[in-house]
Amino acid sequence: MVRCIECKHGKYMQWFENPIICHCNILNEKFVAESKHLCVDFEKTNAKREVQHFDHY
């Protein structure tokens, strides 16, 4: 089980105080970044992840 927030293939976004969303560059899908799931494309990174914040939908 892995979390997208720890993967190097994601772009991270957050609206208001909602959970961080990961847009996967490989699968071209969106996931809740902190949730755990199975992913064969996961590649761990220790780099600090930049989260783009939005104040409207």
PDB file of N, CA and C in Angstrom:
ATOM      1  N   MET A   1       0.850  -1.170   0.000  1.00  0.00           N
ATOM      2  CA  MET A   1       0.000   0.000   0.000  1.00  0.00           C
ATOM      3  C   MET A   1       0.901   1.240   0.000  1.00  0.00           C
ATOM      4  N   VAL A   2       0.595   2.163  -0.888  1.00  0.00           N
ATOM      5  CA  VAL A   2       1.399   3.381  -1.037  1.00  0.00           C
ATOM      6  C   VAL A   2       0.494   4.613  -1.020  1.00  0.00           C
ATOM      7  N   ARG A   3       1.118   5.785  -0.846  1.00  0.00           N
ATOM      8  CA  ARG A   3       0.396   7.050  -0.884  1.00  0.00           C
ATOM      9  C   ARG A   3       0.970   7.898  -2.008  1.00  0.00           C
ATOM     10  N   CYS A   4       0.103   8.507  -2.795  1.00  0.00           N
ATOM     11  CA  CYS A   4       0.533   9.324  -3.932  1.00  0.00           C
ATOM     12  C   CYS A   4       1.425  10.492  -3.509  1.00  0.00           C
ATOM     13  N   ILE A   5       1.216  11.024  -2.313  1.00  0.00           N
ATOM     14  CA  ILE A   5       1.991  12.173  -1.852  1.00  0.00           C
ATOM     15  C   ILE A   5       3.482  11.840  -1.767  1.00  0.00           C
ATOM     16  N   GLU A   6       3.827  10.565  -1.735  1.00  0.00           N
ATOM     17  CA  GLU A   6       5.224  10.134  -1.657  1.00  0.00           C
ATOM     18  C   GLU A   6       5.779   9.709  -3.013  1.00  0.00           C
ATOM     19  N   CYS A   7       5.027   9.911  -4.088  1.00  0.00           N
ATOM     20  CA  CYS A   7       5.430   9.451  -5.421  1.00  0.00           C
ATOM     21  C   CYS A   7       5.940  10.602  -6.279  1.00  0.00           C
ATOM     22  N   LYS A   8       6.922  10.318  -7.100  1.00  0.00           N
ATOM     23  CA  LYS A   8       7.495  11.362  -7.949  1.00  0.00           C
ATOM     24  C   LYS A   8       6.678  11.630  -9.216  1.00  0.00           C
ATOM     25  N   HIS A   9       5.642  10.855  -9.487  1.00  0.00           N
ATOM     26  CA  HIS A   9       4.862  11.005 -10.709  1.00  0.00           C
ATOM     27  C   HIS A   9       3.646  11.917 -10.569  1.00  0.00           C
ATOM     28  N   GLY A  10       3.512  12.587  -9.435  1.00  0.00           N
ATOM     29  CA  GLY A  10       2.296  13.360  -9.201  1.00  0.00           C
ATOM     30  C   GLY A  10       2.473  14.858  -9.258  1.00  0.00           C
ATOM     31  N   LYS A  11       1.366  15.531  -9.555  1.00  0.00           N
ATOM     32  CA  LYS A  11       1.235  16.983  -9.457  1.00  0.00           C
ATOM     33  C   LYS A  11       0.164  17.193  -8.393  1.00  0.00           C
ATOM     34  N   TYR A  12       0.434  18.045  -7.409  1.00  0.00           N
ATOM     35  CA  TYR A  12      -0.420  18.133  -6.232  1.00  0.00           C
ATOM     36  C   TYR A  12      -1.177  19.452  -6.179  1.00  0.00           C
ATOM     37  N   MET A  13      -2.479  19.345  -5.864  1.00  0.00           N
ATOM     38  CA  MET A  13      -3.365  20.502  -5.836  1.00  0.00           C
ATOM     39  C   MET A  13      -4.254  20.429  -4.602  1.00  0.00           C
ATOM     40  N   GLN A  14      -4.666  21.609  -4.113  1.00  0.00           N
ATOM     41  CA  GLN A  14      -5.578  21.647  -2.972  1.00  0.00           C
ATOM     42  C   GLN A  14      -6.494  22.858  -3.104  1.00  0.00           C
ATOM     43  N   TRP A  15      -7.782  22.629  -2.889  1.00  0.00           N
ATOM     44  CA  TRP A  15      -8.775  23.687  -2.897  1.00  0.00           C
ATOM     45  C   TRP A  15      -9.209  23.930  -1.462  1.00  0.00           C
ATOM     46  N   PHE A  16      -9.079  25.166  -0.997  1.00  0.00           N
ATOM     47  CA  PHE A  16      -9.457  25.563   0.358  1.00  0.00           C
ATOM     48  C   PHE A  16      -8.786  24.632   1.369  1.00  0.00           C
ATOM     49  N   GLU A  17      -9.536  24.063   2.298  1.00  0.00           N
ATOM     50  CA  GLU A  17      -8.990  23.152   3.312  1.00  0.00           C
ATOM     51  C   GLU A  17      -9.303  21.697   2.994  1.00  0.00           C
ATOM     52  N   ASN A  18      -9.664  21.398   1.765  1.00  0.00           N
ATOM     53  CA  ASN A  18      -9.981  20.031   1.348  1.00  0.00           C
ATOM     54  C   ASN A  18      -8.706  19.191   1.261  1.00  0.00           C
ATOM     55  N   PRO A  19      -8.841  17.876   1.176  1.00  0.00           N
ATOM     56  CA  PRO A  19      -7.649  17.017   1.051  1.00  0.00           C
ATOM     57  C   PRO A  19      -6.838  17.351  -0.209  1.00  0.00           C
ATOM     58  N   ILE A  20      -5.566  17.070  -0.153  1.00  0.00           N
ATOM     59  CA  ILE A  20      -4.682  17.292  -1.299  1.00  0.00           C
ATOM     60  C   ILE A  20      -5.005  16.254  -2.366  1.00  0.00           C
ATOM     61  N   ILE A  21      -5.096  16.710  -3.608  1.00  0.00           N
ATOM     62  CA  ILE A  21      -5.385  15.847  -4.752  1.00  0.00           C
ATOM     63  C   ILE A  21      -4.109  15.669  -5.568  1.00  0.00           C
ATOM     64  N   CYS A  22      -3.874  14.453  -6.002  1.00  0.00           N
ATOM     65  CA  CYS A  22      -2.718  14.149  -6.849  1.00  0.00           C
ATOM     66  C   CYS A  22      -3.203  13.849  -8.256  1.00  0.00           C
ATOM     67  N   HIS A  23      -2.645  14.556  -9.231  1.00  0.00           N
ATOM     68  CA  HIS A  23      -2.897  14.216 -10.628  1.00  0.00           C
ATOM     69  C   HIS A  23      -1.705  13.383 -11.080  1.00  0.00           C
ATOM     70  N   CYS A  24      -1.950  12.102 -11.345  1.00  0.00           N
ATOM     71  CA  CYS A  24      -0.885  11.175 -11.736  1.00  0.00           C
ATOM     72  C   CYS A  24      -0.490  11.421 -13.186  1.00  0.00           C
ATOM     73  N   ASN A  25       0.791  11.687 -13.412  1.00  0.00           N
ATOM     74  CA  ASN A  25       1.293  11.940 -14.760  1.00  0.00           C
ATOM     75  C   ASN A  25       1.331  10.676 -15.618  1.00  0.00           C
ATOM     76  N   ILE A  26       1.333   9.505 -15.005  1.00  0.00           N
ATOM     77  CA  ILE A  26       1.384   8.251 -15.754  1.00  0.00           C
ATOM     78  C   ILE A  26      -0.018   7.773 -16.126  1.00  0.00           C
ATOM     79  N   LEU A  27      -0.917   7.727 -15.145  1.00  0.00           N
ATOM     80  CA  LEU A  27      -2.275   7.212 -15.374  1.00  0.00           C
ATOM     81  C   LEU A  27      -3.239   8.284 -15.878  1.00  0.00           C
ATOM     82  N   ASN A  28      -2.846   9.554 -15.767  1.00  0.00           N
ATOM     83  CA  ASN A  28      -3.694  10.689 -16.151  1.00  0.00           C
ATOM     84  C   ASN A  28      -5.036  10.647 -15.408  1.00  0.00           C
ATOM     85  N   GLU A  29      -4.958  10.335 -14.103  1.00  0.00           N
ATOM     86  CA  GLU A  29      -6.132  10.288 -13.234  1.00  0.00           C
ATOM     87  C   GLU A  29      -5.823  11.043 -11.960  1.00  0.00           C
ATOM     88  N   LYS A  30      -6.875  11.367 -11.194  1.00  0.00           N
ATOM     89  CA  LYS A  30      -6.719  12.082  -9.934  1.00  0.00           C
ATOM     90  C   LYS A  30      -7.054  11.163  -8.767  1.00  0.00           C
ATOM     91  N   PHE A  31      -6.270  11.325  -7.689  1.00  0.00           N
ATOM     92  CA  PHE A  31      -6.435  10.525  -6.484  1.00  0.00           C
ATOM     93  C   PHE A  31      -6.280  11.436  -5.268  1.00  0.00           C
ATOM     94  N   VAL A  32      -6.847  11.015  -4.137  1.00  0.00           N
ATOM     95  CA  VAL A  32      -6.577  11.704  -2.877  1.00  0.00           C
ATOM     96  C   VAL A  32      -5.144  11.344  -2.491  1.00  0.00           C
ATOM     97  N   ALA A  33      -4.297  12.338  -2.366  1.00  0.00           N
ATOM     98  CA  ALA A  33      -2.858  12.110  -2.226  1.00  0.00           C
ATOM     99  C   ALA A  33      -2.457  11.378  -0.953  1.00  0.00           C
ATOM    100  N   GLU A  34      -3.207  11.535   0.125  1.00  0.00           N
ATOM    101  CA  GLU A  34      -2.842  10.911   1.396  1.00  0.00           C
ATOM    102  C   GLU A  34      -3.441   9.519   1.590  1.00  0.00           C
ATOM    103  N   SER A  35      -4.351   9.105   0.719  1.00  0.00           N
ATOM    104  CA  SER A  35      -4.983   7.793   0.886  1.00  0.00           C
ATOM    105  C   SER A  35      -4.042   6.685   0.405  1.00  0.00           C
ATOM    106  N   LYS A  36      -4.168   5.520   1.013  1.00  0.00           N
ATOM    107  CA  LYS A  36      -3.321   4.385   0.655  1.00  0.00           C
ATOM    108  C   LYS A  36      -4.037   3.505  -0.363  1.00  0.00           C
ATOM    109  N   HIS A  37      -3.294   3.079  -1.379  1.00  0.00           N
ATOM    110  CA  HIS A  37      -3.838   2.162  -2.374  1.00  0.00           C
ATOM    111  C   HIS A  37      -2.682   1.433  -3.061  1.00  0.00           C
ATOM    112  N   LEU A  38      -2.997   0.484  -3.901  1.00  0.00           N
ATOM    113  CA  LEU A  38      -1.989  -0.266  -4.645  1.00  0.00           C
ATOM    114  C   LEU A  38      -1.677   0.457  -5.945  1.00  0.00           C
ATOM    115  N   CYS A  39      -0.405   0.522  -6.300  1.00  0.00           N
ATOM    116  CA  CYS A  39      -0.004   1.171  -7.555  1.00  0.00           C
ATOM    117  C   CYS A  39       1.300   0.549  -8.042  1.00  0.00           C
ATOM    118  N   VAL A  40       1.292  -0.008  -9.225  1.00  0.00           N
ATOM    119  CA  VAL A  40       2.499  -0.641  -9.775  1.00  0.00           C
ATOM    120  C   VAL A  40       3.477   0.399 -10.322  1.00  0.00           C
ATOM    121  N   ASP A  41       3.011   1.629 -10.566  1.00  0.00           N
ATOM    122  CA  ASP A  41       3.859   2.686 -11.120  1.00  0.00           C
ATOM    123  C   ASP A  41       4.510   3.564 -10.056  1.00  0.00           C
ATOM    124  N   PHE A  42       4.262   3.274  -8.783  1.00  0.00           N
ATOM    125  CA  PHE A  42       4.773   4.086  -7.678  1.00  0.00           C
ATOM    126  C   PHE A  42       6.291   4.112  -7.671  1.00  0.00           C
ATOM    127  N   GLU A  43       6.857   5.330  -7.539  1.00  0.00           N
ATOM    128  CA  GLU A  43       8.297   5.511  -7.360  1.00  0.00           C
ATOM    129  C   GLU A  43       8.482   6.528  -6.250  1.00  0.00           C
ATOM    130  N   LYS A  44       9.007   6.064  -5.130  1.00  0.00           N
ATOM    131  CA  LYS A  44       9.145   6.913  -3.943  1.00  0.00           C
ATOM    132  C   LYS A  44      10.131   8.050  -4.188  1.00  0.00           C
ATOM    133  N   THR A  45       9.792   9.196  -3.623  1.00  0.00           N
ATOM    134  CA  THR A  45      10.698  10.326  -3.640  1.00  0.00           C
ATOM    135  C   THR A  45      10.758  10.920  -2.245  1.00  0.00           C
ATOM    136  N   ASN A  46      11.896  11.431  -1.868  1.00  0.00           N
ATOM    137  CA  ASN A  46      12.052  12.085  -0.571  1.00  0.00           C
ATOM    138  C   ASN A  46      11.996  13.596  -0.712  1.00  0.00           C
ATOM    139  N   ALA A  47      11.831  14.074  -1.935  1.00  0.00           N
ATOM    140  CA  ALA A  47      11.772  15.512  -2.184  1.00  0.00           C
ATOM    141  C   ALA A  47      10.501  16.109  -1.591  1.00  0.00           C
ATOM    142  N   LYS A  48      10.596  17.349  -1.148  1.00  0.00           N
ATOM    143  CA  LYS A  48       9.416  18.042  -0.637  1.00  0.00           C
ATOM    144  C   LYS A  48       8.480  18.302  -1.810  1.00  0.00           C
ATOM    145  N   ARG A  49       7.232  17.901  -1.654  1.00  0.00           N
ATOM    146  CA  ARG A  49       6.246  18.020  -2.720  1.00  0.00           C
ATOM    147  C   ARG A  49       5.602  19.401  -2.695  1.00  0.00           C
ATOM    148  N   GLU A  50       5.588  20.092  -3.808  1.00  0.00           N
ATOM    149  CA  GLU A  50       4.956  21.398  -3.909  1.00  0.00           C
ATOM    150  C   GLU A  50       3.467  21.201  -4.176  1.00  0.00           C
ATOM    151  N   VAL A  51       2.632  21.863  -3.384  1.00  0.00           N
ATOM    152  CA  VAL A  51       1.177  21.767  -3.523  1.00  0.00           C
ATOM    153  C   VAL A  51       0.673  23.103  -4.040  1.00  0.00           C
ATOM    154  N   GLN A  52      -0.021  23.061  -5.158  1.00  0.00           N
ATOM    155  CA  GLN A  52      -0.613  24.269  -5.736  1.00  0.00           C
ATOM    156  C   GLN A  52      -1.960  24.499  -5.061  1.00  0.00           C
ATOM    157  N   HIS A  53      -2.160  25.682  -4.477  1.00  0.00           N
ATOM    158  CA  HIS A  53      -3.381  25.996  -3.738  1.00  0.00           C
ATOM    159  C   HIS A  53      -4.316  26.860  -4.581  1.00  0.00           C
ATOM    160  N   PHE A  54      -5.623  26.557  -4.479  1.00  0.00           N
ATOM    161  CA  PHE A  54      -6.644  27.288  -5.218  1.00  0.00           C
ATOM    162  C   PHE A  54      -7.684  27.830  -4.241  1.00  0.00           C
ATOM    163  N   ASP A  55      -8.247  29.004  -4.551  1.00  0.00           N
ATOM    164  CA  ASP A  55      -9.290  29.583  -3.699  1.00  0.00           C
ATOM    165  C   ASP A  55     -10.647  29.604  -4.383  1.00  0.00           C
ATOM    166  N   HIS A  56     -10.767  28.900  -5.512  1.00  0.00           N
ATOM    167  CA  HIS A  56     -12.057  28.731  -6.191  1.00  0.00           C
ATOM    168  C   HIS A  56     -11.996  27.466  -7.055  1.00  0.00           C
ATOM    169  N   TYR A  57     -13.172  26.939  -7.408  1.00  0.00           N
ATOM    170  CA  TYR A  57     -13.226  25.719  -8.209  1.00  0.00           C
ATOM    171  C   TYR A  57     -13.249  26.032  -9.669  1.00  0.00           C
TER     172      TYR A  57
END
